[in-house]
């Protein structure tokens, strides 16, 4: 994907310094947009605003697809770009390092949110299941020892 109105640079096109610079600039702009989107998502998840963070997914997926396409074009032309626009390639390398660090933080925040959600669901299921546990003596004259009882099914209303 390219910016509206901008001609696409295909990986098979021969590069000169101008088109190489355009390719690097597009990738840098896409990375900036993707970084900003991921930072917004991370901030929303940290604040517990998961439904707001979910709304960002369409934009994030579009930017990720664009990033992969542009990154593929840069990889195919890496030797020529290294000769024609070495400064821009070095800037992309630094930005890529920043991007990787941000992704690690984002993944850790998302994993924590998922873990917390699973713990909440599990604890609710155990409490609901505790009320369903038999409170009488069994055939052997003893109380059942199933302390791990949990609900056999649980429904969530996600429209709230």
C-alpha atoms as a PDB file:
ATOM      1  CA  UNK A   1       0.000   0.000   0.000  1.00  0.00           C
ATOM      2  CA  UNK A   2       1.145   3.479  -0.704  1.00  0.00           C
ATOM      3  CA  UNK A   3      -0.055   6.928   0.115  1.00  0.00           C
ATOM      4  CA  UNK A   4      -3.028   8.049  -2.005  1.00  0.00           C
ATOM      5  CA  UNK A   5      -1.836   9.621  -5.228  1.00  0.00           C
ATOM      6  CA  UNK A   6       1.757   8.367  -4.835  1.00  0.00           C
ATOM      7  CA  UNK A   7       3.057   5.950  -7.444  1.00  0.00           C
ATOM      8  CA  UNK A   8       3.889   2.508  -6.112  1.00  0.00           C
ATOM      9  CA  UNK A   9       7.504   1.377  -6.202  1.00  0.00           C
ATOM     10  CA  UNK A  10       7.521  -2.296  -7.044  1.00  0.00           C
ATOM     11  CA  UNK A  11      10.330  -4.534  -5.924  1.00  0.00           C
ATOM     12  CA  UNK A  12      11.204  -5.319  -9.564  1.00  0.00           C
ATOM     13  CA  UNK A  13      11.614  -1.652 -10.536  1.00  0.00           C
ATOM     14  CA  UNK A  14      15.217  -0.456 -10.909  1.00  0.00           C
ATOM     15  CA  UNK A  15      16.064   2.052  -8.189  1.00  0.00           C
ATOM     16  CA  UNK A  16      17.827   5.370  -8.354  1.00  0.00           C
ATOM     17  CA  UNK A  17      18.616   7.589  -5.382  1.00  0.00           C
ATOM     18  CA  UNK A  18      15.284   9.460  -5.644  1.00  0.00           C
ATOM     19  CA  UNK A  19      13.054   6.375  -5.767  1.00  0.00           C
ATOM     20  CA  UNK A  20      15.154   4.692  -3.056  1.00  0.00           C
ATOM     21  CA  UNK A  21      14.698   7.743  -0.866  1.00  0.00           C
ATOM     22  CA  UNK A  22      10.944   7.692  -1.479  1.00  0.00           C
ATOM     23  CA  UNK A  23      10.775   3.998  -0.562  1.00  0.00           C
ATOM     24  CA  UNK A  24      12.692   4.578   2.682  1.00  0.00           C
ATOM     25  CA  UNK A  25      10.600   7.652   3.521  1.00  0.00           C
ATOM     26  CA  UNK A  26       7.367   5.717   3.005  1.00  0.00           C
ATOM     27  CA  UNK A  27       8.555   2.891   5.238  1.00  0.00           C
ATOM     28  CA  UNK A  28       9.633   5.385   7.913  1.00  0.00           C
ATOM     29  CA  UNK A  29       6.228   7.133   7.769  1.00  0.00           C
ATOM     30  CA  UNK A  30       4.405   3.805   8.006  1.00  0.00           C
ATOM     31  CA  UNK A  31       6.554   2.798  10.983  1.00  0.00           C
ATOM     32  CA  UNK A  32       5.824   6.137  12.678  1.00  0.00           C
ATOM     33  CA  UNK A  33       2.076   5.613  12.216  1.00  0.00           C
ATOM     34  CA  UNK A  34       2.298   2.014  13.418  1.00  0.00           C
ATOM     35  CA  UNK A  35       4.382   3.001  16.451  1.00  0.00           C
ATOM     36  CA  UNK A  36       1.868   5.718  17.361  1.00  0.00           C
ATOM     37  CA  UNK A  37      -1.033   3.256  16.982  1.00  0.00           C
ATOM     38  CA  UNK A  38       0.671   0.602  19.114  1.00  0.00           C
ATOM     39  CA  UNK A  39       1.529   3.186  21.788  1.00  0.00           C
ATOM     40  CA  UNK A  40      -2.154   4.252  21.874  1.00  0.00           C
ATOM     41  CA  UNK A  41      -3.240   0.625  22.160  1.00  0.00           C
ATOM     42  CA  UNK A  42      -0.761  -0.056  24.966  1.00  0.00           C
ATOM     43  CA  UNK A  43      -1.913   3.034  26.893  1.00  0.00           C
ATOM     44  CA  UNK A  44      -5.579   2.051  26.548  1.00  0.00           C
ATOM     45  CA  UNK A  45      -4.935  -1.532  27.712  1.00  0.00           C
ATOM     46  CA  UNK A  46      -2.915  -0.277  30.684  1.00  0.00           C
ATOM     47  CA  UNK A  47      -5.860   1.950  31.641  1.00  0.00           C
ATOM     48  CA  UNK A  48      -8.210  -1.033  31.372  1.00  0.00           C
ATOM     49  CA  UNK A  49     -10.099   0.436  28.403  1.00  0.00           C
ATOM     50  CA  UNK A  50     -10.092  -2.796  26.418  1.00  0.00           C
ATOM     51  CA  UNK A  51     -13.112  -1.975  24.238  1.00  0.00           C
ATOM     52  CA  UNK A  52     -11.420   1.263  23.125  1.00  0.00           C
ATOM     53  CA  UNK A  53      -8.217  -0.677  22.409  1.00  0.00           C
ATOM     54  CA  UNK A  54     -10.191  -3.169  20.329  1.00  0.00           C
ATOM     55  CA  UNK A  55     -11.452  -0.339  18.120  1.00  0.00           C
ATOM     56  CA  UNK A  56      -7.850   0.345  17.029  1.00  0.00           C
ATOM     57  CA  UNK A  57      -7.395  -3.157  15.574  1.00  0.00           C
ATOM     58  CA  UNK A  58      -8.596  -2.329  12.044  1.00  0.00           C
ATOM     59  CA  UNK A  59      -6.155   0.575  11.727  1.00  0.00           C
ATOM     60  CA  UNK A  60      -3.358  -1.464  13.291  1.00  0.00           C
ATOM     61  CA  UNK A  61      -3.945  -4.369  10.879  1.00  0.00           C
ATOM     62  CA  UNK A  62      -3.951  -2.022   7.873  1.00  0.00           C
ATOM     63  CA  UNK A  63      -0.703  -0.385   8.990  1.00  0.00           C
ATOM     64  CA  UNK A  64       0.908  -3.765   9.736  1.00  0.00           C
ATOM     65  CA  UNK A  65       0.042  -4.994   6.226  1.00  0.00           C
ATOM     66  CA  UNK A  66       1.446  -1.813   4.702  1.00  0.00           C
ATOM     67  CA  UNK A  67       4.603  -2.151   6.842  1.00  0.00           C
ATOM     68  CA  UNK A  68       5.168  -5.752   5.672  1.00  0.00           C
ATOM     69  CA  UNK A  69       4.701  -4.808   2.008  1.00  0.00           C
ATOM     70  CA  UNK A  70       7.094  -1.871   2.230  1.00  0.00           C
ATOM     71  CA  UNK A  71       9.602  -3.839   4.289  1.00  0.00           C
ATOM     72  CA  UNK A  72       9.573  -6.579   1.631  1.00  0.00           C
ATOM     73  CA  UNK A  73      10.357  -3.981  -1.044  1.00  0.00           C
ATOM     74  CA  UNK A  74      13.237  -2.649   1.064  1.00  0.00           C
ATOM     75  CA  UNK A  75      14.615  -6.171   1.602  1.00  0.00           C
ATOM     76  CA  UNK A  76      14.501  -6.971  -2.103  1.00  0.00           C
ATOM     77  CA  UNK A  77      16.347  -3.745  -2.874  1.00  0.00           C
ATOM     78  CA  UNK A  78      18.634  -3.748   0.177  1.00  0.00           C
ATOM     79  CA  UNK A  79      21.926  -3.821  -1.739  1.00  0.00           C
ATOM     80  CA  UNK A  80      20.956  -0.917  -4.002  1.00  0.00           C
ATOM     81  CA  UNK A  81      19.469   1.062  -1.095  1.00  0.00           C
ATOM     82  CA  UNK A  82      22.638   0.579   0.932  1.00  0.00           C
ATOM     83  CA  UNK A  83      24.626   2.170  -1.913  1.00  0.00           C
ATOM     84  CA  UNK A  84      22.135   4.881  -2.906  1.00  0.00           C
ATOM     85  CA  UNK A  85      20.722   6.096   0.433  1.00  0.00           C
ATOM     86  CA  UNK A  86      22.928   4.764   3.263  1.00  0.00           C
ATOM     87  CA  UNK A  87      21.847   7.500   5.723  1.00  0.00           C
ATOM     88  CA  UNK A  88      18.181   6.642   5.333  1.00  0.00           C
ATOM     89  CA  UNK A  89      18.907   2.930   5.700  1.00  0.00           C
ATOM     90  CA  UNK A  90      20.758   3.622   8.961  1.00  0.00           C
ATOM     91  CA  UNK A  91      17.795   5.695  10.209  1.00  0.00           C
ATOM     92  CA  UNK A  92      15.463   2.812   9.339  1.00  0.00           C
ATOM     93  CA  UNK A  93      17.676   0.395  11.287  1.00  0.00           C
ATOM     94  CA  UNK A  94      17.513   2.632  14.381  1.00  0.00           C
ATOM     95  CA  UNK A  95      13.757   3.075  14.008  1.00  0.00           C
ATOM     96  CA  UNK A  96      13.362  -0.679  13.589  1.00  0.00           C
ATOM     97  CA  UNK A  97      15.189  -1.227  16.910  1.00  0.00           C
ATOM     98  CA  UNK A  98      12.814   1.223  18.620  1.00  0.00           C
ATOM     99  CA  UNK A  99       9.893  -0.544  16.952  1.00  0.00           C
ATOM    100  CA  UNK A 100      10.998  -3.968  18.221  1.00  0.00           C
ATOM    101  CA  UNK A 101      11.322  -2.649  21.792  1.00  0.00           C
ATOM    102  CA  UNK A 102       7.864  -1.124  21.602  1.00  0.00           C
ATOM    103  CA  UNK A 103       6.402  -4.380  20.297  1.00  0.00           C
ATOM    104  CA  UNK A 104       7.905  -6.303  23.224  1.00  0.00           C
ATOM    105  CA  UNK A 105       6.311  -3.887  25.692  1.00  0.00           C
ATOM    106  CA  UNK A 106       2.984  -4.046  23.845  1.00  0.00           C
ATOM    107  CA  UNK A 107       2.999  -7.851  23.821  1.00  0.00           C
ATOM    108  CA  UNK A 108       3.796  -7.951  27.543  1.00  0.00           C
ATOM    109  CA  UNK A 109       0.922  -5.563  28.332  1.00  0.00           C
ATOM    110  CA  UNK A 110      -1.493  -7.571  26.173  1.00  0.00           C
ATOM    111  CA  UNK A 111      -0.368 -10.849  27.778  1.00  0.00           C
ATOM    112  CA  UNK A 112      -0.882  -9.368  31.250  1.00  0.00           C
ATOM    113  CA  UNK A 113      -4.369  -8.135  30.339  1.00  0.00           C
ATOM    114  CA  UNK A 114      -5.246 -11.567  28.987  1.00  0.00           C
ATOM    115  CA  UNK A 115      -3.927 -13.270  32.108  1.00  0.00           C
ATOM    116  CA  UNK A 116      -5.911 -10.945  34.378  1.00  0.00           C
ATOM    117  CA  UNK A 117      -9.066 -11.550  32.320  1.00  0.00           C
ATOM    118  CA  UNK A 118      -8.601 -15.315  32.494  1.00  0.00           C
ATOM    119  CA  UNK A 119      -8.034 -15.153  36.278  1.00  0.00           C
ATOM    120  CA  UNK A 120     -11.227 -13.130  36.736  1.00  0.00           C
ATOM    121  CA  UNK A 121     -13.260 -15.580  34.643  1.00  0.00           C
ATOM    122  CA  UNK A 122     -11.738 -18.555  36.478  1.00  0.00           C
ATOM    123  CA  UNK A 123     -12.437 -17.068  39.905  1.00  0.00           C
ATOM    124  CA  UNK A 124     -16.039 -16.218  38.971  1.00  0.00           C
ATOM    125  CA  UNK A 125     -16.546 -19.749  37.648  1.00  0.00           C
ATOM    126  CA  UNK A 126     -15.141 -21.230  40.874  1.00  0.00           C
ATOM    127  CA  UNK A 127     -17.431 -19.070  43.018  1.00  0.00           C
ATOM    128  CA  UNK A 128     -20.468 -19.947  40.949  1.00  0.00           C
ATOM    129  CA  UNK A 129     -19.465 -23.611  41.050  1.00  0.00           C
ATOM    130  CA  UNK A 130     -18.999 -23.507  44.826  1.00  0.00           C
ATOM    131  CA  UNK A 131     -22.685 -22.707  45.216  1.00  0.00           C
ATOM    132  CA  UNK A 132     -23.570 -25.744  43.096  1.00  0.00           C
ATOM    133  CA  UNK A 133     -21.467 -28.159  45.160  1.00  0.00           C
ATOM    134  CA  UNK A 134     -23.342 -30.726  47.214  1.00  0.00           C
ATOM    135  CA  UNK A 135     -23.536 -29.944  50.925  1.00  0.00           C
ATOM    136  CA  UNK A 136     -24.668 -33.365  52.042  1.00  0.00           C
ATOM    137  CA  UNK A 137     -22.958 -36.595  52.963  1.00  0.00           C
ATOM    138  CA  UNK A 138     -22.166 -39.014  50.181  1.00  0.00           C
ATOM    139  CA  UNK A 139     -22.821 -42.797  50.038  1.00  0.00           C
ATOM    140  CA  UNK A 140     -19.769 -43.422  52.211  1.00  0.00           C
ATOM    141  CA  UNK A 141     -21.094 -41.159  54.956  1.00  0.00           C
ATOM    142  CA  UNK A 142     -18.517 -38.449  54.273  1.00  0.00           C
ATOM    143  CA  UNK A 143     -18.616 -35.023  52.633  1.00  0.00           C
ATOM    144  CA  UNK A 144     -17.391 -34.946  49.044  1.00  0.00           C
ATOM    145  CA  UNK A 145     -13.802 -33.611  48.850  1.00  0.00           C
ATOM    146  CA  UNK A 146     -14.148 -31.821  45.509  1.00  0.00           C
ATOM    147  CA  UNK A 147     -12.835 -28.373  46.486  1.00  0.00           C
ATOM    148  CA  UNK A 148     -12.038 -27.528  42.870  1.00  0.00           C
ATOM    149  CA  UNK A 149     -15.660 -27.368  41.789  1.00  0.00           C
ATOM    150  CA  UNK A 150     -16.321 -24.734  39.195  1.00  0.00           C
ATOM    151  CA  UNK A 151     -19.259 -23.808  37.076  1.00  0.00           C
ATOM    152  CA  UNK A 152     -19.939 -26.188  34.232  1.00  0.00           C
ATOM    153  CA  UNK A 153     -20.726 -23.266  31.976  1.00  0.00           C
ATOM    154  CA  UNK A 154     -20.714 -19.512  32.200  1.00  0.00           C
ATOM    155  CA  UNK A 155     -22.226 -16.894  29.901  1.00  0.00           C
ATOM    156  CA  UNK A 156     -20.979 -13.356  29.507  1.00  0.00           C
ATOM    157  CA  UNK A 157     -22.941 -10.394  28.195  1.00  0.00           C
ATOM    158  CA  UNK A 158     -20.331  -8.487  26.201  1.00  0.00           C
ATOM    159  CA  UNK A 159     -22.774  -5.764  25.167  1.00  0.00           C
ATOM    160  CA  UNK A 160     -22.390  -4.021  28.521  1.00  0.00           C
END
